[in-house]
mmCIF file of all heavy atoms, coordinates in Angstrom:
data_MODEL
# 
_entry.id   MODEL 
# 
loop_
_atom_site.group_PDB 
_atom_site.id 
_atom_site.type_symbol 
_atom_site.label_atom_id 
_atom_site.label_alt_id 
_atom_site.label_comp_id 
_atom_site.label_asym_id 
_atom_site.label_entity_id 
_atom_site.label_seq_id 
_atom_site.pdbx_PDB_ins_code 
_atom_site.Cartn_x 
_atom_site.Cartn_y 
_atom_site.Cartn_z 
_atom_site.occupancy 
_atom_site.B_iso_or_equiv 
_atom_site.pdbx_formal_charge 
_atom_site.auth_seq_id 
_atom_site.auth_comp_id 
_atom_site.auth_asym_id 
_atom_site.auth_atom_id 
_atom_site.pdbx_PDB_model_num 
ATOM 1   N N   . TRP A 1 1  ? 47.255 -21.411 -119.555 1.00 0.00 ? 1  TRP A N   1 
ATOM 2   C CA  . TRP A 1 1  ? 46.551 -20.874 -118.393 1.00 0.00 ? 1  TRP A CA  1 
ATOM 3   C C   . TRP A 1 1  ? 46.951 -21.734 -117.199 1.00 0.00 ? 1  TRP A C   1 
ATOM 4   O O   . TRP A 1 1  ? 46.655 -22.919 -117.155 1.00 0.00 ? 1  TRP A O   1 
ATOM 5   C CB  . TRP A 1 1  ? 45.051 -20.933 -118.635 1.00 0.00 ? 1  TRP A CB  1 
ATOM 6   C CG  . TRP A 1 1  ? 44.187 -20.222 -117.646 1.00 0.00 ? 1  TRP A CG  1 
ATOM 7   C CD1 . TRP A 1 1  ? 44.462 -19.922 -116.347 1.00 0.00 ? 1  TRP A CD1 1 
ATOM 8   C CD2 . TRP A 1 1  ? 42.866 -19.720 -117.881 1.00 0.00 ? 1  TRP A CD2 1 
ATOM 9   N NE1 . TRP A 1 1  ? 43.414 -19.277 -115.754 1.00 0.00 ? 1  TRP A NE1 1 
ATOM 10  C CE2 . TRP A 1 1  ? 42.417 -19.130 -116.680 1.00 0.00 ? 1  TRP A CE2 1 
ATOM 11  C CE3 . TRP A 1 1  ? 42.026 -19.721 -118.988 1.00 0.00 ? 1  TRP A CE3 1 
ATOM 12  C CZ2 . TRP A 1 1  ? 41.160 -18.560 -116.556 1.00 0.00 ? 1  TRP A CZ2 1 
ATOM 13  C CZ3 . TRP A 1 1  ? 40.763 -19.144 -118.873 1.00 0.00 ? 1  TRP A CZ3 1 
ATOM 14  C CH2 . TRP A 1 1  ? 40.337 -18.561 -117.664 1.00 0.00 ? 1  TRP A CH2 1 
ATOM 15  N N   . ARG A 1 2  ? 47.588 -21.130 -116.212 1.00 0.00 ? 2  ARG A N   1 
ATOM 16  C CA  . ARG A 1 2  ? 48.058 -21.861 -115.042 1.00 0.00 ? 2  ARG A CA  1 
ATOM 17  C C   . ARG A 1 2  ? 47.123 -21.630 -113.870 1.00 0.00 ? 2  ARG A C   1 
ATOM 18  O O   . ARG A 1 2  ? 46.777 -20.488 -113.541 1.00 0.00 ? 2  ARG A O   1 
ATOM 19  C CB  . ARG A 1 2  ? 49.480 -21.417 -114.673 1.00 0.00 ? 2  ARG A CB  1 
ATOM 20  C CG  . ARG A 1 2  ? 50.088 -22.186 -113.505 1.00 0.00 ? 2  ARG A CG  1 
ATOM 21  C CD  . ARG A 1 2  ? 51.576 -21.894 -113.411 1.00 0.00 ? 2  ARG A CD  1 
ATOM 22  N NE  . ARG A 1 2  ? 52.175 -22.519 -112.246 1.00 0.00 ? 2  ARG A NE  1 
ATOM 23  C CZ  . ARG A 1 2  ? 52.558 -21.878 -111.146 1.00 0.00 ? 2  ARG A CZ  1 
ATOM 24  N NH1 . ARG A 1 2  ? 52.410 -20.555 -111.083 1.00 0.00 ? 2  ARG A NH1 1 
ATOM 25  N NH2 . ARG A 1 2  ? 53.105 -22.524 -110.131 1.00 0.00 ? 2  ARG A NH2 1 
ATOM 26  N N   . PHE A 1 3  ? 46.707 -22.732 -113.238 1.00 0.00 ? 3  PHE A N   1 
ATOM 27  C CA  . PHE A 1 3  ? 45.847 -22.704 -112.064 1.00 0.00 ? 3  PHE A CA  1 
ATOM 28  C C   . PHE A 1 3  ? 46.652 -23.239 -110.884 1.00 0.00 ? 3  PHE A C   1 
ATOM 29  O O   . PHE A 1 3  ? 47.239 -24.328 -110.968 1.00 0.00 ? 3  PHE A O   1 
ATOM 30  C CB  . PHE A 1 3  ? 44.613 -23.585 -112.258 1.00 0.00 ? 3  PHE A CB  1 
ATOM 31  C CG  . PHE A 1 3  ? 43.717 -23.173 -113.396 1.00 0.00 ? 3  PHE A CG  1 
ATOM 32  C CD1 . PHE A 1 3  ? 44.042 -23.485 -114.710 1.00 0.00 ? 3  PHE A CD1 1 
ATOM 33  C CD2 . PHE A 1 3  ? 42.535 -22.489 -113.151 1.00 0.00 ? 3  PHE A CD2 1 
ATOM 34  C CE1 . PHE A 1 3  ? 43.212 -23.122 -115.759 1.00 0.00 ? 3  PHE A CE1 1 
ATOM 35  C CE2 . PHE A 1 3  ? 41.694 -22.120 -114.196 1.00 0.00 ? 3  PHE A CE2 1 
ATOM 36  C CZ  . PHE A 1 3  ? 42.034 -22.430 -115.506 1.00 0.00 ? 3  PHE A CZ  1 
ATOM 37  N N   . VAL A 1 4  ? 46.644 -22.529 -109.770 1.00 0.00 ? 4  VAL A N   1 
ATOM 38  C CA  . VAL A 1 4  ? 47.344 -22.971 -108.569 1.00 0.00 ? 4  VAL A CA  1 
ATOM 39  C C   . VAL A 1 4  ? 46.338 -23.064 -107.430 1.00 0.00 ? 4  VAL A C   1 
ATOM 40  O O   . VAL A 1 4  ? 45.516 -22.165 -107.247 1.00 0.00 ? 4  VAL A O   1 
ATOM 41  C CB  . VAL A 1 4  ? 48.482 -21.999 -108.184 1.00 0.00 ? 4  VAL A CB  1 
ATOM 42  C CG1 . VAL A 1 4  ? 49.185 -22.477 -106.911 1.00 0.00 ? 4  VAL A CG1 1 
ATOM 43  C CG2 . VAL A 1 4  ? 49.476 -21.873 -109.323 1.00 0.00 ? 4  VAL A CG2 1 
ATOM 44  N N   . GLY A 1 5  ? 46.404 -24.159 -106.653 1.00 0.00 ? 5  GLY A N   1 
ATOM 45  C CA  . GLY A 1 5  ? 45.502 -24.322 -105.514 1.00 0.00 ? 5  GLY A CA  1 
ATOM 46  C C   . GLY A 1 5  ? 44.170 -24.916 -105.894 1.00 0.00 ? 5  GLY A C   1 
ATOM 47  O O   . GLY A 1 5  ? 43.143 -24.586 -105.304 1.00 0.00 ? 5  GLY A O   1 
ATOM 48  N N   . LEU A 1 6  ? 44.159 -25.815 -106.875 1.00 0.00 ? 6  LEU A N   1 
ATOM 49  C CA  . LEU A 1 6  ? 42.914 -26.427 -107.327 1.00 0.00 ? 6  LEU A CA  1 
ATOM 50  C C   . LEU A 1 6  ? 42.440 -27.510 -106.370 1.00 0.00 ? 6  LEU A C   1 
ATOM 51  O O   . LEU A 1 6  ? 43.239 -28.229 -105.770 1.00 0.00 ? 6  LEU A O   1 
ATOM 52  C CB  . LEU A 1 6  ? 43.113 -27.058 -108.715 1.00 0.00 ? 6  LEU A CB  1 
ATOM 53  C CG  . LEU A 1 6  ? 43.175 -26.096 -109.899 1.00 0.00 ? 6  LEU A CG  1 
ATOM 54  C CD1 . LEU A 1 6  ? 43.672 -26.837 -111.132 1.00 0.00 ? 6  LEU A CD1 1 
ATOM 55  C CD2 . LEU A 1 6  ? 41.798 -25.505 -110.167 1.00 0.00 ? 6  LEU A CD2 1 
ATOM 56  N N   . GLY A 1 7  ? 41.123 -27.626 -106.268 1.00 0.00 ? 7  GLY A N   1 
ATOM 57  C CA  . GLY A 1 7  ? 40.518 -28.764 -105.587 1.00 0.00 ? 7  GLY A CA  1 
ATOM 58  C C   . GLY A 1 7  ? 40.729 -28.832 -104.099 1.00 0.00 ? 7  GLY A C   1 
ATOM 59  O O   . GLY A 1 7  ? 40.490 -29.860 -103.481 1.00 0.00 ? 7  GLY A O   1 
ATOM 60  N N   . GLY A 1 8  ? 41.212 -27.767 -103.494 1.00 0.00 ? 8  GLY A N   1 
ATOM 61  C CA  . GLY A 1 8  ? 41.387 -27.779 -102.054 1.00 0.00 ? 8  GLY A CA  1 
ATOM 62  C C   . GLY A 1 8  ? 42.600 -28.569 -101.593 1.00 0.00 ? 8  GLY A C   1 
ATOM 63  O O   . GLY A 1 8  ? 42.872 -28.653 -100.392 1.00 0.00 ? 8  GLY A O   1 
ATOM 64  N N   . ASP A 1 9  ? 43.359 -29.182 -102.521 1.00 0.00 ? 9  ASP A N   1 
ATOM 65  C CA  . ASP A 1 9  ? 44.530 -29.968 -102.137 1.00 0.00 ? 9  ASP A CA  1 
ATOM 66  C C   . ASP A 1 9  ? 45.835 -29.246 -102.456 1.00 0.00 ? 9  ASP A C   1 
ATOM 67  O O   . ASP A 1 9  ? 46.915 -29.814 -102.348 1.00 0.00 ? 9  ASP A O   1 
ATOM 68  C CB  . ASP A 1 9  ? 44.515 -31.334 -102.836 1.00 0.00 ? 9  ASP A CB  1 
ATOM 69  C CG  . ASP A 1 9  ? 44.503 -31.204 -104.367 1.00 0.00 ? 9  ASP A CG  1 
ATOM 70  O OD1 . ASP A 1 9  ? 44.568 -30.065 -104.865 1.00 0.00 ? 9  ASP A OD1 1 
ATOM 71  O OD2 . ASP A 1 9  ? 44.428 -32.253 -105.034 1.00 0.00 ? 9  ASP A OD2 1 
ATOM 72  N N   . GLY A 1 10 ? 45.728 -27.976 -102.870 1.00 0.00 ? 10 GLY A N   1 
ATOM 73  C CA  . GLY A 1 10 ? 46.919 -27.219 -103.181 1.00 0.00 ? 10 GLY A CA  1 
ATOM 74  C C   . GLY A 1 10 ? 47.553 -27.583 -104.502 1.00 0.00 ? 10 GLY A C   1 
ATOM 75  O O   . GLY A 1 10 ? 48.638 -27.110 -104.833 1.00 0.00 ? 10 GLY A O   1 
ATOM 76  N N   . GLY A 1 11 ? 46.897 -28.447 -105.286 1.00 0.00 ? 11 GLY A N   1 
ATOM 77  C CA  . GLY A 1 11 ? 47.456 -28.867 -106.558 1.00 0.00 ? 11 GLY A CA  1 
ATOM 78  C C   . GLY A 1 11 ? 47.425 -27.761 -107.588 1.00 0.00 ? 11 GLY A C   1 
ATOM 79  O O   . GLY A 1 11 ? 46.732 -26.754 -107.439 1.00 0.00 ? 11 GLY A O   1 
ATOM 80  N N   . SER A 1 12 ? 48.198 -27.935 -108.641 1.00 0.00 ? 12 SER A N   1 
ATOM 81  C CA  . SER A 1 12 ? 48.223 -26.957 -109.721 1.00 0.00 ? 12 SER A CA  1 
ATOM 82  C C   . SER A 1 12 ? 48.109 -27.672 -111.055 1.00 0.00 ? 12 SER A C   1 
ATOM 83  O O   . SER A 1 12 ? 48.319 -28.880 -111.160 1.00 0.00 ? 12 SER A O   1 
ATOM 84  C CB  . SER A 1 12 ? 49.519 -26.137 -109.667 1.00 0.00 ? 12 SER A CB  1 
ATOM 85  O OG  . SER A 1 12 ? 50.644 -26.979 -109.887 1.00 0.00 ? 12 SER A OG  1 
ATOM 86  N N   . ALA A 1 13 ? 47.730 -26.927 -112.078 1.00 0.00 ? 13 ALA A N   1 
ATOM 87  C CA  . ALA A 1 13 ? 47.619 -27.480 -113.422 1.00 0.00 ? 13 ALA A CA  1 
ATOM 88  C C   . ALA A 1 13 ? 47.843 -26.361 -114.418 1.00 0.00 ? 13 ALA A C   1 
ATOM 89  O O   . ALA A 1 13 ? 47.433 -25.214 -114.176 1.00 0.00 ? 13 ALA A O   1 
ATOM 90  C CB  . ALA A 1 13 ? 46.249 -28.123 -113.638 1.00 0.00 ? 13 ALA A CB  1 
ATOM 91  N N   . THR A 1 14 ? 48.488 -26.689 -115.517 1.00 0.00 ? 14 THR A N   1 
ATOM 92  C CA  . THR A 1 14 ? 48.670 -25.741 -116.607 1.00 0.00 ? 14 THR A CA  1 
ATOM 93  C C   . THR A 1 14 ? 47.956 -26.281 -117.834 1.00 0.00 ? 14 THR A C   1 
ATOM 94  O O   . THR A 1 14 ? 48.228 -27.394 -118.284 1.00 0.00 ? 14 THR A O   1 
ATOM 95  C CB  . THR A 1 14 ? 50.161 -25.535 -116.927 1.00 0.00 ? 14 THR A CB  1 
ATOM 96  O OG1 . THR A 1 14 ? 50.812 -24.992 -115.768 1.00 0.00 ? 14 THR A OG1 1 
ATOM 97  C CG2 . THR A 1 14 ? 50.330 -24.551 -118.088 1.00 0.00 ? 14 THR A CG2 1 
ATOM 98  N N   . VAL A 1 15 ? 47.014 -25.498 -118.338 1.00 0.00 ? 15 VAL A N   1 
ATOM 99  C CA  . VAL A 1 15 ? 46.230 -25.899 -119.502 1.00 0.00 ? 15 VAL A CA  1 
ATOM 100 C C   . VAL A 1 15 ? 46.852 -25.229 -120.716 1.00 0.00 ? 15 VAL A C   1 
ATOM 101 O O   . VAL A 1 15 ? 46.930 -23.993 -120.780 1.00 0.00 ? 15 VAL A O   1 
ATOM 102 C CB  . VAL A 1 15 ? 44.751 -25.477 -119.352 1.00 0.00 ? 15 VAL A CB  1 
ATOM 103 C CG1 . VAL A 1 15 ? 43.905 -26.101 -120.451 1.00 0.00 ? 15 VAL A CG1 1 
ATOM 104 C CG2 . VAL A 1 15 ? 44.221 -25.870 -117.984 1.00 0.00 ? 15 VAL A CG2 1 
ATOM 105 N N   . THR A 1 16 ? 47.300 -26.017 -121.661 1.00 0.00 ? 16 THR A N   1 
ATOM 106 C CA  . THR A 1 16 ? 47.961 -25.486 -122.853 1.00 0.00 ? 16 THR A CA  1 
ATOM 107 C C   . THR A 1 16 ? 47.037 -25.595 -124.056 1.00 0.00 ? 16 THR A C   1 
ATOM 108 O O   . THR A 1 16 ? 45.971 -26.235 -123.992 1.00 0.00 ? 16 THR A O   1 
ATOM 109 C CB  . THR A 1 16 ? 49.264 -26.255 -123.123 1.00 0.00 ? 16 THR A CB  1 
ATOM 110 O OG1 . THR A 1 16 ? 48.973 -27.654 -123.249 1.00 0.00 ? 16 THR A OG1 1 
ATOM 111 C CG2 . THR A 1 16 ? 50.251 -26.054 -121.984 1.00 0.00 ? 16 THR A CG2 1 
ATOM 112 N N   . ALA A 1 17 ? 47.434 -24.988 -125.159 1.00 0.00 ? 17 ALA A N   1 
ATOM 113 C CA  . ALA A 1 17 ? 46.615 -25.003 -126.376 1.00 0.00 ? 17 ALA A CA  1 
ATOM 114 C C   . ALA A 1 17 ? 46.309 -26.445 -126.780 1.00 0.00 ? 17 ALA A C   1 
ATOM 115 O O   . ALA A 1 17 ? 47.191 -27.305 -126.782 1.00 0.00 ? 17 ALA A O   1 
ATOM 116 C CB  . ALA A 1 17 ? 47.351 -24.288 -127.500 1.00 0.00 ? 17 ALA A CB  1 
ATOM 117 N N   . GLY A 1 18 ? 45.027 -26.698 -127.094 1.00 0.00 ? 18 GLY A N   1 
ATOM 118 C CA  . GLY A 1 18 ? 44.603 -28.033 -127.483 1.00 0.00 ? 18 GLY A CA  1 
ATOM 119 C C   . GLY A 1 18 ? 44.181 -28.905 -126.324 1.00 0.00 ? 18 GLY A C   1 
ATOM 120 O O   . GLY A 1 18 ? 43.885 -30.087 -126.523 1.00 0.00 ? 18 GLY A O   1 
ATOM 121 N N   . SER A 1 19 ? 44.110 -28.332 -125.109 1.00 0.00 ? 19 SER A N   1 
ATOM 122 C CA  . SER A 1 19 ? 43.667 -29.102 -123.942 1.00 0.00 ? 19 SER A CA  1 
ATOM 123 C C   . SER A 1 19 ? 42.580 -28.346 -123.199 1.00 0.00 ? 19 SER A C   1 
ATOM 124 O O   . SER A 1 19 ? 42.291 -27.178 -123.493 1.00 0.00 ? 19 SER A O   1 
ATOM 125 C CB  . SER A 1 19 ? 44.845 -29.410 -123.014 1.00 0.00 ? 19 SER A CB  1 
ATOM 126 O OG  . SER A 1 19 ? 45.424 -28.221 -122.529 1.00 0.00 ? 19 SER A OG  1 
ATOM 127 N N   . PHE A 1 20 ? 41.961 -29.018 -122.221 1.00 0.00 ? 20 PHE A N   1 
ATOM 128 C CA  . PHE A 1 20 ? 40.894 -28.386 -121.451 1.00 0.00 ? 20 PHE A CA  1 
ATOM 129 C C   . PHE A 1 20 ? 41.038 -28.741 -119.982 1.00 0.00 ? 20 PHE A C   1 
ATOM 130 O O   . PHE A 1 20 ? 41.648 -29.750 -119.611 1.00 0.00 ? 20 PHE A O   1 
ATOM 131 C CB  . PHE A 1 20 ? 39.512 -28.822 -121.956 1.00 0.00 ? 20 PHE A CB  1 
ATOM 132 C CG  . PHE A 1 20 ? 39.116 -30.212 -121.525 1.00 0.00 ? 20 PHE A CG  1 
ATOM 133 C CD1 . PHE A 1 20 ? 38.431 -30.434 -120.329 1.00 0.00 ? 20 PHE A CD1 1 
ATOM 134 C CD2 . PHE A 1 20 ? 39.421 -31.312 -122.320 1.00 0.00 ? 20 PHE A CD2 1 
ATOM 135 C CE1 . PHE A 1 20 ? 38.084 -31.720 -119.927 1.00 0.00 ? 20 PHE A CE1 1 
ATOM 136 C CE2 . PHE A 1 20 ? 39.069 -32.601 -121.927 1.00 0.00 ? 20 PHE A CE2 1 
ATOM 137 C CZ  . PHE A 1 20 ? 38.397 -32.806 -120.733 1.00 0.00 ? 20 PHE A CZ  1 
ATOM 138 N N   . LEU A 1 21 ? 40.447 -27.906 -119.147 1.00 0.00 ? 21 LEU A N   1 
ATOM 139 C CA  . LEU A 1 21 ? 40.329 -28.166 -117.715 1.00 0.00 ? 21 LEU A CA  1 
ATOM 140 C C   . LEU A 1 21 ? 38.880 -27.946 -117.321 1.00 0.00 ? 21 LEU A C   1 
ATOM 141 O O   . LEU A 1 21 ? 38.293 -26.911 -117.659 1.00 0.00 ? 21 LEU A O   1 
ATOM 142 C CB  . LEU A 1 21 ? 41.232 -27.221 -116.909 1.00 0.00 ? 21 LEU A CB  1 
ATOM 143 C CG  . LEU A 1 21 ? 41.072 -27.305 -115.385 1.00 0.00 ? 21 LEU A CG  1 
ATOM 144 C CD1 . LEU A 1 21 ? 41.710 -28.577 -114.850 1.00 0.00 ? 21 LEU A CD1 1 
ATOM 145 C CD2 . LEU A 1 21 ? 41.696 -26.088 -114.704 1.00 0.00 ? 21 LEU A CD2 1 
ATOM 146 N N   . ALA A 1 22 ? 38.295 -28.910 -116.620 1.00 0.00 ? 22 ALA A N   1 
ATOM 147 C CA  . ALA A 1 22 ? 36.943 -28.762 -116.075 1.00 0.00 ? 22 ALA A CA  1 
ATOM 148 C C   . ALA A 1 22 ? 37.054 -28.797 -114.558 1.00 0.00 ? 22 ALA A C   1 
ATOM 149 O O   . ALA A 1 22 ? 37.776 -29.629 -113.995 1.00 0.00 ? 22 ALA A O   1 
ATOM 150 C CB  . ALA A 1 22 ? 36.043 -29.892 -116.567 1.00 0.00 ? 22 ALA A CB  1 
ATOM 151 N N   . ARG A 1 23 ? 36.351 -27.881 -113.897 1.00 0.00 ? 23 ARG A N   1 
ATOM 152 C CA  . ARG A 1 23 ? 36.448 -27.793 -112.448 1.00 0.00 ? 23 ARG A CA  1 
ATOM 153 C C   . ARG A 1 23 ? 35.175 -27.193 -111.882 1.00 0.00 ? 23 ARG A C   1 
ATOM 154 O O   . ARG A 1 23 ? 34.416 -26.535 -112.579 1.00 0.00 ? 23 ARG A O   1 
ATOM 155 C CB  . ARG A 1 23 ? 37.642 -26.911 -112.053 1.00 0.00 ? 23 ARG A CB  1 
ATOM 156 C CG  . ARG A 1 23 ? 37.490 -25.462 -112.510 1.00 0.00 ? 23 ARG A CG  1 
ATOM 157 C CD  . ARG A 1 23 ? 38.722 -24.631 -112.205 1.00 0.00 ? 23 ARG A CD  1 
ATOM 158 N NE  . ARG A 1 23 ? 38.547 -23.238 -112.622 1.00 0.00 ? 23 ARG A NE  1 
ATOM 159 C CZ  . ARG A 1 23 ? 38.039 -22.286 -111.864 1.00 0.00 ? 23 ARG A CZ  1 
ATOM 160 N NH1 . ARG A 1 23 ? 37.645 -22.559 -110.621 1.00 0.00 ? 23 ARG A NH1 1 
ATOM 161 N NH2 . ARG A 1 23 ? 37.902 -21.054 -112.309 1.00 0.00 ? 23 ARG A NH2 1 
ATOM 162 N N   . ARG A 1 24 ? 34.939 -27.466 -110.617 1.00 0.00 ? 24 ARG A N   1 
ATOM 163 C CA  . ARG A 1 24 ? 33.905 -26.721 -109.917 1.00 0.00 ? 24 ARG A CA  1 
ATOM 164 C C   . ARG A 1 24 ? 34.422 -25.325 -109.630 1.00 0.00 ? 24 ARG A C   1 
ATOM 165 O O   . ARG A 1 24 ? 35.616 -25.066 -109.723 1.00 0.00 ? 24 ARG A O   1 
ATOM 166 C CB  . ARG A 1 24 ? 33.538 -27.439 -108.622 1.00 0.00 ? 24 ARG A CB  1 
ATOM 167 C CG  . ARG A 1 24 ? 32.933 -28.807 -108.878 1.00 0.00 ? 24 ARG A CG  1 
ATOM 168 C CD  . ARG A 1 24 ? 31.624 -28.923 -108.170 1.00 0.00 ? 24 ARG A CD  1 
ATOM 169 N NE  . ARG A 1 24 ? 31.112 -30.297 -108.303 1.00 0.00 ? 24 ARG A NE  1 
ATOM 170 C CZ  . ARG A 1 24 ? 29.840 -30.580 -108.398 1.00 0.00 ? 24 ARG A CZ  1 
ATOM 171 N NH1 . ARG A 1 24 ? 28.951 -29.598 -108.416 1.00 0.00 ? 24 ARG A NH1 1 
ATOM 172 N NH2 . ARG A 1 24 ? 29.433 -31.822 -108.499 1.00 0.00 ? 24 ARG A NH2 1 
ATOM 173 N N   . ASN A 1 25 ? 33.530 -24.419 -109.243 1.00 0.00 ? 25 ASN A N   1 
ATOM 174 C CA  . ASN A 1 25 ? 33.930 -23.020 -109.186 1.00 0.00 ? 25 ASN A CA  1 
ATOM 175 C C   . ASN A 1 25 ? 34.602 -22.614 -107.886 1.00 0.00 ? 25 ASN A C   1 
ATOM 176 O O   . ASN A 1 25 ? 34.766 -21.428 -107.639 1.00 0.00 ? 25 ASN A O   1 
ATOM 177 C CB  . ASN A 1 25 ? 32.725 -22.116 -109.425 1.00 0.00 ? 25 ASN A CB  1 
ATOM 178 C CG  . ASN A 1 25 ? 31.688 -22.252 -108.323 1.00 0.00 ? 25 ASN A CG  1 
ATOM 179 O OD1 . ASN A 1 25 ? 31.092 -23.308 -108.178 1.00 0.00 ? 25 ASN A OD1 1 
ATOM 180 N ND2 . ASN A 1 25 ? 31.485 -21.208 -107.538 1.00 0.00 ? 25 ASN A ND2 1 
ATOM 181 N N   . GLY A 1 26 ? 35.011 -23.572 -107.055 1.00 0.00 ? 26 GLY A N   1 
ATOM 182 C CA  . GLY A 1 26 ? 35.808 -23.214 -105.889 1.00 0.00 ? 26 GLY A CA  1 
ATOM 183 C C   . GLY A 1 26 ? 37.058 -22.476 -106.335 1.00 0.00 ? 26 GLY A C   1 
ATOM 184 O O   . GLY A 1 26 ? 37.741 -22.893 -107.267 1.00 0.00 ? 26 GLY A O   1 
ATOM 185 N N   . ALA A 1 27 ? 37.382 -21.381 -105.690 1.00 0.00 ? 27 ALA A N   1 
ATOM 186 C CA  . ALA A 1 27 ? 38.411 -20.476 -106.203 1.00 0.00 ? 27 ALA A CA  1 
ATOM 187 C C   . ALA A 1 27 ? 39.809 -21.071 -106.094 1.00 0.00 ? 27 ALA A C   1 
ATOM 188 O O   . ALA A 1 27 ? 40.237 -21.453 -105.016 1.00 0.00 ? 27 ALA A O   1 
ATOM 189 C CB  . ALA A 1 27 ? 38.360 -19.162 -105.435 1.00 0.00 ? 27 ALA A CB  1 
# 
């Protein structure tokens, strides 16, 4: 699952099997 534009800093993250991502609900 790829997230682009996280945290208001334009960062991205890819969550792969066996990992997790926790975030506030900012889109």
